[in-house]
Structures are given as structure tokens and as C-alpha cells.
C-alpha atoms as a PDB file:
ATOM      1  CA  MET A   1     -40.609  53.241   6.249  1.00  0.00           C
ATOM      2  CA  ARG A   2     -43.860  55.145   6.015  1.00  0.00           C
ATOM      3  CA  GLY A   3     -46.144  54.847   9.110  1.00  0.00           C
ATOM      4  CA  ARG A   4     -43.518  53.191  11.255  1.00  0.00           C
ATOM      5  CA  PRO A   5     -42.581  54.286  14.679  1.00  0.00           C
ATOM      6  CA  PRO A   6     -39.525  56.426  15.195  1.00  0.00           C
ATOM      7  CA  ALA A   7     -37.895  53.801  17.299  1.00  0.00           C
ATOM      8  CA  THR A   8     -38.132  51.212  14.429  1.00  0.00           C
ATOM      9  CA  ILE A   9     -36.596  53.672  11.771  1.00  0.00           C
ATOM     10  CA  ALA A  10     -33.749  54.433  14.236  1.00  0.00           C
ATOM     11  CA  LEU A  11     -33.387  50.727  14.939  1.00  0.00           C
ATOM     12  CA  VAL A  12     -33.117  49.872  11.138  1.00  0.00           C
ATOM     13  CA  MET A  13     -30.687  52.759  10.465  1.00  0.00           C
ATOM     14  CA  VAL A  14     -28.514  51.608  13.309  1.00  0.00           C
ATOM     15  CA  VAL A  15     -28.530  48.053  11.906  1.00  0.00           C
ATOM     16  CA  ALA A  16     -27.600  49.299   8.490  1.00  0.00           C
ATOM     17  CA  ILE A  17     -24.715  51.305   9.935  1.00  0.00           C
ATOM     18  CA  GLN A  18     -23.508  48.169  11.925  1.00  0.00           C
ATOM     19  CA  ILE A  19     -23.581  46.059   8.652  1.00  0.00           C
ATOM     20  CA  LEU A  20     -21.513  48.754   6.835  1.00  0.00           C
ATOM     21  CA  CYS A  21     -19.004  48.968   9.891  1.00  0.00           C
ATOM     22  CA  THR A  22     -18.906  45.175   9.834  1.00  0.00           C
ATOM     23  CA  LEU A  23     -18.174  45.009   6.100  1.00  0.00           C
ATOM     24  CA  PHE A  24     -15.526  47.636   6.410  1.00  0.00           C
ATOM     25  CA  PHE A  25     -13.612  45.959   9.262  1.00  0.00           C
ATOM     26  CA  VAL A  26     -13.892  42.328   7.710  1.00  0.00           C
ATOM     27  CA  TRP A  27     -12.799  43.803   4.193  1.00  0.00           C
ATOM     28  CA  ASP A  28      -9.830  45.683   5.874  1.00  0.00           C
ATOM     29  CA  ILE A  29      -8.740  42.608   7.838  1.00  0.00           C
ATOM     30  CA  ALA A  30      -9.222  40.161   4.891  1.00  0.00           C
ATOM     31  CA  ALA A  31      -7.412  42.370   2.424  1.00  0.00           C
ATOM     32  CA  GLY A  32      -4.354  42.576   4.713  1.00  0.00           C
ATOM     33  CA  ILE A  33      -4.318  38.888   5.161  1.00  0.00           C
ATOM     34  CA  ILE A  34      -4.648  37.832   1.555  1.00  0.00           C
ATOM     35  CA  GLY A  35      -2.202  40.696   0.491  1.00  0.00           C
ATOM     36  CA  PHE A  36      -4.674  42.537  -1.702  1.00  0.00           C
ATOM     37  CA  GLN A  37      -2.927  45.595  -3.134  1.00  0.00           C
ATOM     38  CA  ARG A  38      -5.085  48.756  -3.166  1.00  0.00           C
ATOM     39  CA  ALA A  39      -4.423  52.356  -3.347  1.00  0.00           C
ATOM     40  CA  PRO A  40      -4.015  53.573   0.254  1.00  0.00           C
ATOM     41  CA  LEU A  41      -6.485  55.961   1.890  1.00  0.00           C
ATOM     42  CA  SER A  42      -5.225  59.138   3.347  1.00  0.00           C
ATOM     43  CA  TRP A  43      -4.957  58.874   7.112  1.00  0.00           C
ATOM     44  CA  GLN A  44      -7.812  61.458   7.485  1.00  0.00           C
ATOM     45  CA  THR A  45     -10.244  59.352   5.372  1.00  0.00           C
ATOM     46  CA  ARG A  46      -9.035  56.043   7.141  1.00  0.00           C
ATOM     47  CA  GLU A  47      -9.614  57.871  10.801  1.00  0.00           C
ATOM     48  CA  LEU A  48     -13.049  59.029   9.686  1.00  0.00           C
ATOM     49  CA  LEU A  49     -13.998  55.568   8.511  1.00  0.00           C
ATOM     50  CA  GLU A  50     -13.028  54.123  11.623  1.00  0.00           C
ATOM     51  CA  ILE A  51     -14.594  56.540  13.782  1.00  0.00           C
ATOM     52  CA  GLY A  52     -17.855  56.315  11.922  1.00  0.00           C
ATOM     53  CA  ALA A  53     -17.653  52.569  12.116  1.00  0.00           C
ATOM     54  CA  SER A  54     -16.847  52.702  15.915  1.00  0.00           C
ATOM     55  CA  LEU A  55     -19.750  54.937  16.433  1.00  0.00           C
ATOM     56  CA  GLY A  56     -22.040  52.572  14.662  1.00  0.00           C
ATOM     57  CA  LEU A  57     -20.999  49.845  16.662  1.00  0.00           C
ATOM     58  CA  VAL A  58     -21.234  51.708  20.146  1.00  0.00           C
ATOM     59  CA  LEU A  59     -24.752  52.962  19.041  1.00  0.00           C
ATOM     60  CA  GLY A  60     -25.812  49.209  18.171  1.00  0.00           C
ATOM     61  CA  VAL A  61     -24.607  48.063  21.643  1.00  0.00           C
ATOM     62  CA  GLY A  62     -26.419  50.976  23.297  1.00  0.00           C
ATOM     63  CA  LEU A  63     -29.669  50.530  21.318  1.00  0.00           C
ATOM     64  CA  GLY A  64     -29.507  46.801  21.822  1.00  0.00           C
ATOM     65  CA  THR A  65     -29.119  47.130  25.457  1.00  0.00           C
ATOM     66  CA  ALA A  66     -31.993  49.587  25.788  1.00  0.00           C
ATOM     67  CA  LEU A  67     -34.250  47.146  23.628  1.00  0.00           C
ATOM     68  CA  LEU A  68     -33.233  44.291  25.736  1.00  0.00           C
ATOM     69  CA  ILE A  69     -34.084  46.151  29.022  1.00  0.00           C
ATOM     70  CA  ARG A  70     -37.294  47.279  27.525  1.00  0.00           C
ATOM     71  CA  THR A  71     -38.295  43.707  26.384  1.00  0.00           C
ATOM     72  CA  ILE A  72     -37.474  42.281  29.732  1.00  0.00           C
ATOM     73  CA  LEU A  73     -39.641  45.010  31.491  1.00  0.00           C
ATOM     74  CA  ARG A  74     -42.519  44.290  29.193  1.00  0.00           C
ATOM     75  CA  ASN A  75     -42.203  40.512  29.687  1.00  0.00           C
ATOM     76  CA  ARG A  76     -42.500  41.042  33.426  1.00  0.00           C
ATOM     77  CA  ASP A  77     -45.491  43.242  32.960  1.00  0.00           C
ATOM     78  CA  ILE A  78     -47.158  40.815  30.866  1.00  0.00           C
ATOM     79  CA  GLU A  79     -46.335  37.974  33.239  1.00  0.00           C
ATOM     80  CA  THR A  80     -47.870  39.994  36.053  1.00  0.00           C
ATOM     81  CA  ARG A  81     -51.087  40.671  34.008  1.00  0.00           C
ATOM     82  CA  LEU A  82     -51.206  36.994  33.185  1.00  0.00           C
ATOM     83  CA  ARG A  83     -50.822  35.922  36.714  1.00  0.00           C
ATOM     84  CA  GLU A  84     -53.847  38.553  37.613  1.00  0.00           C
ATOM     85  CA  VAL A  85     -56.112  37.236  34.962  1.00  0.00           C
ATOM     86  CA  SER A  86     -55.247  33.603  35.895  1.00  0.00           C
ATOM     87  CA  GLY A  87     -56.188  34.473  39.409  1.00  0.00           C
ATOM     88  CA  ALA A  88     -59.414  36.182  38.311  1.00  0.00           C
ATOM     89  CA  PHE A  89     -60.413  33.334  36.245  1.00  0.00           C
ATOM     90  CA  ALA A  90     -59.800  30.997  39.400  1.00  0.00           C
ATOM     91  CA  ASP A  91     -61.992  33.173  41.490  1.00  0.00           C
ATOM     92  CA  LEU A  92     -64.597  33.212  38.921  1.00  0.00           C
ATOM     93  CA  LEU A  93     -64.571  29.431  38.789  1.00  0.00           C
ATOM     94  CA  ASP A  94     -64.535  28.967  42.478  1.00  0.00           C
ATOM     95  CA  GLU A  95     -67.592  31.569  42.768  1.00  0.00           C
ATOM     96  CA  ARG A  96     -69.485  29.582  40.167  1.00  0.00           C
ATOM     97  CA  PHE A  97     -68.700  26.197  41.795  1.00  0.00           C
ATOM     98  CA  GLY A  98     -69.925  27.764  45.090  1.00  0.00           C
ATOM     99  CA  GLN A  99     -73.252  28.946  43.389  1.00  0.00           C
ATOM    100  CA  TRP A 100     -73.761  25.427  41.908  1.00  0.00           C
ATOM    101  CA  GLY A 101     -73.146  23.771  45.317  1.00  0.00           C
ATOM    102  CA  LEU A 102     -70.376  21.437  43.920  1.00  0.00           C
ATOM    103  CA  THR A 103     -68.699  18.987  46.339  1.00  0.00           C
ATOM    104  CA  ARG A 104     -64.883  19.119  46.806  1.00  0.00           C
ATOM    105  CA  SER A 105     -64.651  16.069  44.433  1.00  0.00           C
ATOM    106  CA  GLU A 106     -67.014  17.664  41.829  1.00  0.00           C
ATOM    107  CA  ARG A 107     -64.858  20.811  41.948  1.00  0.00           C
ATOM    108  CA  ASP A 108     -61.680  18.820  41.414  1.00  0.00           C
ATOM    109  CA  VAL A 109     -63.322  17.100  38.336  1.00  0.00           C
ATOM    110  CA  ALA A 110     -64.664  20.393  37.067  1.00  0.00           C
ATOM    111  CA  TRP A 111     -61.260  22.085  37.286  1.00  0.00           C
ATOM    112  CA  PHE A 112     -59.714  19.215  35.431  1.00  0.00           C
ATOM    113  CA  THR A 113     -62.529  19.244  32.848  1.00  0.00           C
ATOM    114  CA  ILE A 114     -62.076  22.926  32.277  1.00  0.00           C
ATOM    115  CA  LYS A 115     -58.453  22.306  31.679  1.00  0.00           C
ATOM    116  CA  GLY A 116     -59.271  19.959  28.881  1.00  0.00           C
ATOM    117  CA  MET A 117     -58.283  16.691  30.512  1.00  0.00           C
ATOM    118  CA  SER A 118     -60.132  13.536  29.544  1.00  0.00           C
ATOM    119  CA  ILE A 119     -62.249  11.262  31.847  1.00  0.00           C
ATOM    120  CA  ALA A 120     -59.230   8.667  31.899  1.00  0.00           C
ATOM    121  CA  GLU A 121     -56.838  11.423  32.704  1.00  0.00           C
ATOM    122  CA  ILE A 122     -58.990  12.923  35.406  1.00  0.00           C
ATOM    123  CA  ALA A 123     -59.608   9.236  36.959  1.00  0.00           C
ATOM    124  CA  ARG A 124     -55.757   8.689  36.926  1.00  0.00           C
ATOM    125  CA  LEU A 125     -55.021  11.794  38.569  1.00  0.00           C
ATOM    126  CA  ARG A 126     -57.628  11.532  41.211  1.00  0.00           C
ATOM    127  CA  GLN A 127     -56.971   7.890  41.652  1.00  0.00           C
ATOM    128  CA  THR A 128     -60.531   6.882  41.045  1.00  0.00           C
ATOM    129  CA  SER A 129     -62.377   4.905  38.438  1.00  0.00           C
ATOM    130  CA  GLU A 130     -63.533   6.357  35.228  1.00  0.00           C
ATOM    131  CA  GLY A 131     -67.218   5.636  36.236  1.00  0.00           C
ATOM    132  CA  THR A 132     -66.720   7.870  39.487  1.00  0.00           C
ATOM    133  CA  VAL A 133     -65.525  10.692  37.285  1.00  0.00           C
ATOM    134  CA  LYS A 134     -68.238  10.215  34.718  1.00  0.00           C
ATOM    135  CA  ALA A 135     -70.696  10.291  37.742  1.00  0.00           C
ATOM    136  CA  HIS A 136     -69.203  13.566  38.992  1.00  0.00           C
ATOM    137  CA  SER A 137     -69.138  15.006  35.468  1.00  0.00           C
ATOM    138  CA  ASN A 138     -72.759  14.461  35.080  1.00  0.00           C
ATOM    139  CA  ALA A 139     -73.596  16.069  38.540  1.00  0.00           C
ATOM    140  CA  ILE A 140     -71.510  18.960  37.399  1.00  0.00           C
ATOM    141  CA  TYR A 141     -73.357  19.322  34.288  1.00  0.00           C
ATOM    142  CA  ARG A 142     -76.856  19.029  35.910  1.00  0.00           C
ATOM    143  CA  LYS A 143     -75.972  21.496  38.614  1.00  0.00           C
ATOM    144  CA  ALA A 144     -74.510  24.165  36.058  1.00  0.00           C
ATOM    145  CA  GLY A 145     -77.543  23.639  33.754  1.00  0.00           C
ATOM    146  CA  VAL A 146     -75.533  22.414  30.746  1.00  0.00           C
ATOM    147  CA  SER A 147     -75.434  19.252  28.687  1.00  0.00           C
ATOM    148  CA  GLY A 148     -71.774  18.739  28.489  1.00  0.00           C
ATOM    149  CA  ARG A 149     -68.073  19.757  28.588  1.00  0.00           C
ATOM    150  CA  THR A 150     -68.388  22.199  25.745  1.00  0.00           C
ATOM    151  CA  GLN A 151     -71.343  24.119  27.247  1.00  0.00           C
ATOM    152  CA  LEU A 152     -69.650  24.107  30.877  1.00  0.00           C
ATOM    153  CA  LEU A 153     -66.624  25.765  29.249  1.00  0.00           C
ATOM    154  CA  SER A 154     -68.511  28.276  27.205  1.00  0.00           C
ATOM    155  CA  LEU A 155     -70.302  29.385  30.483  1.00  0.00           C
ATOM    156  CA  PHE A 156     -66.874  30.717  31.664  1.00  0.00           C
ATOM    157  CA  ILE A 157     -65.739  32.174  28.224  1.00  0.00           C
ATOM    158  CA  GLU A 158     -68.984  34.160  28.166  1.00  0.00           C
ATOM    159  CA  ASP A 159     -68.229  35.575  31.596  1.00  0.00           C
ATOM    160  CA  LEU A 160     -64.620  36.513  30.726  1.00  0.00           C
ATOM    161  CA  LEU A 161     -65.598  38.116  27.531  1.00  0.00           C
ATOM    162  CA  ASP A 162     -67.112  41.366  28.659  1.00  0.00           C
ATOM    163  CA  GLY A 163     -67.553  43.994  26.173  1.00  0.00           C
ATOM    164  CA  ASP A 164     -67.808  43.816  22.310  1.00  0.00           C
ATOM    165  CA  PRO A 165     -66.020  41.567  20.170  1.00  0.00           C
ATOM    166  CA  PRO A 166     -63.326  43.456  18.188  1.00  0.00           C
ATOM    167  CA  ASP A 167     -65.252  43.410  14.913  1.00  0.00           C
ATOM    168  CA  ALA A 168     -68.649  43.680  16.315  1.00  0.00           C
ATOM    169  CA  PRO A 169     -71.131  46.784  15.900  1.00  0.00           C
ATOM    170  CA  HIS A 170     -71.097  48.998  19.091  1.00  0.00           C
ATOM    171  CA  GLY A 171     -73.827  48.317  21.561  1.00  0.00           C
ATOM    172  CA  ARG A 172     -73.957  44.486  20.743  1.00  0.00           C
ATOM    173  CA  THR A 173     -72.264  42.524  23.771  1.00  0.00           C
ATOM    174  CA  ARG A 174     -73.871  39.125  23.212  1.00  0.00           C
ATOM    175  CA  SER A 175     -74.986  37.160  20.433  1.00  0.00           C
ATOM    176  CA  PRO A 176     -78.647  36.262  20.384  1.00  0.00           C
END
């Protein structure tokens, strides 16, 4: 357990206690049902075991609830950040489309292209022919100064990747 956060250690300990509590209660019930004869425990020992088992179960419920609330809050935060990033990406696309002077139809085709849709899918969504989509695509590539779909997408990825890659030496932000 070396190097683990205290919350993880506490969680593992509570789960271990819950397992022992569960085994105690199940064994006690099963032994009574099948009529297993055993030496009776003193009432003090039995009370201590039941108190310990109950505390373990209460701890499990409390910790489980706390972790569930923490997870829900974290998911909300992540969803909020994802919406912000999605909005920023949409803003970046609109800005670039404006710089390139794309028409409304070209913007639609560019959006669908960046989303990874095929020419046939774009034509079906826009209710136009594949030839029209190809013509719009060629106009987009020409205005953006790229030769195809992959280079178009890489323009936006490059804009989004501000800073150094995780394993790059400091000071180097772009590959030559």
C-alpha cells in the first residue's frame, strides 16, 4: 500500500472490515440454519463481534455515500469542462471559417468533414449530391491552404495543442 493516498488505504480497510462482517453474519445465520453445533461464545464476545460488524457496515455505507457524492460532483465538473472545451473548439472553427471566407454551405461541409463523416454521409445529411459535397470540399481545402481532409483536421489539432507535449523537452512546442 506504499505510495497510495490515505483515502485509498481507508477504503481498502473499510472494505476488508465489511467482508469480515459479512462473513461473520452469514456464518452465524448459516450455522443456525444447518444446526451446526459449536461452542457458544460468551455474551460479551458476541456483543463485541456484533458491535464491530455493525460499525464496519455503517462505515461502509458512510464512505460509500461520500465517494458516490464525490464522484457525482467530479463528473459534473468534467462535463462542464467538456462543454467549455467543446464551445471553445466551435469558436475556433467559426473563427477559422470566417478567416478563410467560407460560404454557409462550405461551413456545413467543413463541420461534417471535421466530425469525420464521409462524402456520402455529408451529401445525405445536406440532401445534395456527392459531386456538390466534393466541390465544396475542394473549395474548403483551397481556401484553407491544405491538400485534404487530414491536413484540414491537423490545422485545428495544432491550434488546440498549446504548450509542450507531455514527454517533449521544455521549450519545444512545435515539431519542425
